[in-house]
Amino acid sequence: MSPHTTSSPQLLDAPNPERTHWLELPPHRSSIRVARRSIGARLSAWRLPGDLCADAVLLVSELATNAVRHTLSAKILCGIGLISDTCLRLEVHDHDRTDRGLPRCEPCPDDESGRGLLIVEEIADSWGVDRSRLTGGNAVWAHLTA
């Protein structure tokens, strides 16, 4: 399956489809790079502040990495949307239908991974997990404001 955009802006609830961007990606590590580049390009096209763009790309990268590493999804969906001129919503959907929640991790200083959700928690204005209406799995979301 090759990456492509999908037309599913209803989860972001943006009134204008030109203010949303969706990617459907295979659950491969290489998809994280594709997501970063595609999301970064769209954010640049929207002419958002550089710091907001960098934070959004980082958060999408962390959330997509979690979906690839910790679920058995056939695909992942990454979406971004401009909720307002100063508020951005990010979403990553997987196919994990188990009800185990997101694992909390307390990485040791020498650990090379395990900090993704800690980064999301620190950078995002708000974030959470809902059941995805698109995949039946998890929809992890975050809000950022300029």
Protein backbone atom coordinates (compact mmCIF):
# COMPACT_ATOMS: atom_id res chain seq x y z
CA MET A 1 0.00 0.00 0.00
CA SER A 2 1.46 3.35 -0.93
CA PRO A 3 0.87 6.52 1.09
CA HIS A 4 -1.88 8.77 -0.16
CA THR A 5 -4.19 11.45 1.12
CA THR A 6 -7.74 10.58 2.05
CA SER A 7 -10.82 12.76 2.10
CA SER A 8 -12.00 12.26 5.68
CA PRO A 9 -12.04 15.67 7.35
CA GLN A 10 -15.12 14.93 9.50
CA LEU A 11 -13.03 13.91 12.50
CA LEU A 12 -11.24 17.20 12.53
CA ASP A 13 -14.59 18.93 12.06
CA ALA A 14 -13.00 21.68 10.00
CA PRO A 15 -15.61 23.59 7.99
CA ASN A 16 -13.26 23.97 5.01
CA PRO A 17 -11.56 20.91 3.46
CA GLU A 18 -8.68 23.15 2.36
CA ARG A 19 -7.87 23.49 6.07
CA THR A 20 -7.37 19.75 6.61
CA HIS A 21 -4.84 17.22 5.37
CA TRP A 22 -5.00 13.41 5.73
CA LEU A 23 -2.52 10.66 4.97
CA GLU A 24 -3.11 6.94 4.90
CA LEU A 25 0.14 5.08 5.49
CA PRO A 26 1.30 1.48 5.82
CA PRO A 27 2.46 0.56 9.32
CA HIS A 28 6.16 0.70 8.44
CA ARG A 29 8.92 2.70 10.07
CA SER A 30 9.53 4.46 6.74
CA SER A 31 5.99 5.87 6.96
CA ILE A 32 7.06 8.12 9.84
CA ARG A 33 9.42 10.00 7.51
CA VAL A 34 6.67 10.28 4.89
CA ALA A 35 4.27 11.66 7.51
CA ARG A 36 6.81 14.24 8.73
CA ARG A 37 7.54 15.46 5.21
CA SER A 38 3.92 15.58 4.08
CA ILE A 39 2.64 17.27 7.22
CA GLY A 40 5.57 19.71 7.19
CA ALA A 41 4.90 20.63 3.57
CA ARG A 42 1.20 21.25 4.24
CA LEU A 43 1.95 23.36 7.31
CA SER A 44 4.44 25.41 5.31
CA ALA A 45 1.83 25.91 2.59
CA TRP A 46 -0.56 27.21 5.25
CA ARG A 47 2.15 29.74 6.22
CA LEU A 48 2.01 28.93 9.92
CA PRO A 49 4.72 30.15 12.32
CA GLY A 50 7.91 28.08 12.18
CA ASP A 51 7.78 27.06 15.85
CA LEU A 52 4.20 25.81 15.50
CA CYS A 53 5.15 23.83 12.38
CA ALA A 54 8.16 22.25 14.09
CA ASP A 55 6.09 21.27 17.14
CA ALA A 56 3.30 19.83 14.97
CA VAL A 57 5.73 17.75 12.89
CA LEU A 58 7.36 16.44 16.07
CA LEU A 59 4.02 15.48 17.62
CA VAL A 60 2.75 13.75 14.47
CA SER A 61 6.04 11.89 14.30
CA GLU A 62 5.74 10.71 17.92
CA LEU A 63 2.09 9.69 17.59
CA ALA A 64 2.64 7.89 14.29
CA THR A 65 5.68 6.11 15.72
CA ASN A 66 3.56 4.83 18.58
CA ALA A 67 0.90 3.58 16.17
CA VAL A 68 3.50 1.76 14.08
CA ARG A 69 5.46 0.29 17.00
CA HIS A 70 2.70 -0.60 19.43
CA THR A 71 -0.26 -1.74 17.33
CA LEU A 72 -0.90 -4.42 14.73
CA SER A 73 -2.63 -1.99 12.39
CA ALA A 74 -2.99 -2.66 8.69
CA LYS A 75 -2.65 1.08 8.11
CA ILE A 76 -2.48 4.29 10.07
CA LEU A 77 -4.19 7.58 9.32
CA CYS A 78 -2.50 10.90 10.10
CA GLY A 79 -4.55 14.08 9.96
CA ILE A 80 -3.99 17.75 10.65
CA GLY A 81 -6.47 20.57 10.54
CA LEU A 82 -6.67 24.27 11.19
CA ILE A 83 -9.40 24.65 13.78
CA SER A 84 -8.86 28.41 13.72
CA ASP A 85 -6.13 30.72 12.47
CA THR A 86 -4.24 30.08 15.71
CA CYS A 87 -5.25 26.50 16.64
CA LEU A 88 -4.07 23.28 15.00
CA ARG A 89 -5.44 19.78 15.63
CA LEU A 90 -3.39 16.65 14.97
CA GLU A 91 -4.81 13.12 14.85
CA VAL A 92 -3.30 9.66 14.36
CA HIS A 93 -5.67 6.70 13.98
CA ASP A 94 -4.76 3.03 14.25
CA HIS A 95 -6.69 -0.25 14.10
CA ASP A 96 -5.96 -1.42 17.65
CA ARG A 97 -9.37 -2.50 18.94
CA THR A 98 -8.15 -3.67 22.33
CA ASP A 99 -9.26 -1.64 25.30
CA ARG A 100 -5.91 -1.50 27.07
CA GLY A 101 -5.40 2.27 26.88
CA LEU A 102 -2.10 3.93 26.23
CA PRO A 103 0.76 2.52 28.26
CA ARG A 104 2.40 4.91 30.69
CA CYS A 105 6.13 4.73 30.58
CA GLU A 106 8.76 5.96 33.00
CA PRO A 107 11.97 5.75 30.96
CA CYS A 108 15.32 5.63 32.69
CA PRO A 109 17.90 8.27 31.72
CA ASP A 110 19.80 5.72 29.60
CA ASP A 111 16.72 4.46 27.70
CA GLU A 112 16.72 5.31 24.00
CA SER A 113 12.93 5.28 23.64
CA GLY A 114 9.75 5.52 25.68
CA ARG A 115 9.38 9.31 25.80
CA GLY A 116 6.86 9.88 22.98
CA LEU A 117 3.78 10.57 25.08
CA LEU A 118 5.83 12.55 27.57
CA ILE A 119 6.87 14.80 24.69
CA VAL A 120 3.27 15.09 23.50
CA GLU A 121 2.12 15.94 27.02
CA GLU A 122 4.80 18.62 27.36
CA ILE A 123 4.31 20.32 23.98
CA ALA A 124 0.58 20.01 23.25
CA ASP A 125 -1.92 22.42 24.76
CA SER A 126 -4.20 19.41 25.20
CA TRP A 127 -4.26 15.82 23.98
CA GLY A 128 -6.21 12.63 24.43
CA VAL A 129 -7.40 9.34 23.02
CA ASP A 130 -10.81 8.50 21.58
CA ARG A 131 -12.23 5.54 19.72
CA SER A 132 -11.74 6.19 15.99
CA ARG A 133 -14.89 6.40 13.90
CA LEU A 134 -12.75 5.64 10.84
CA THR A 135 -10.82 2.58 11.98
CA GLY A 136 -12.52 1.34 15.14
CA GLY A 137 -9.12 1.60 16.83
CA ASN A 138 -7.56 4.51 18.69
CA ALA A 139 -7.61 8.12 17.59
CA VAL A 140 -4.85 9.94 19.48
CA TRP A 141 -5.21 13.70 19.10
CA ALA A 142 -3.43 16.85 20.18
CA HIS A 143 -4.11 20.59 19.98
CA LEU A 144 -1.44 23.24 19.45
CA THR A 145 -1.92 26.99 19.43
CA ALA A 146 0.33 29.66 18.02
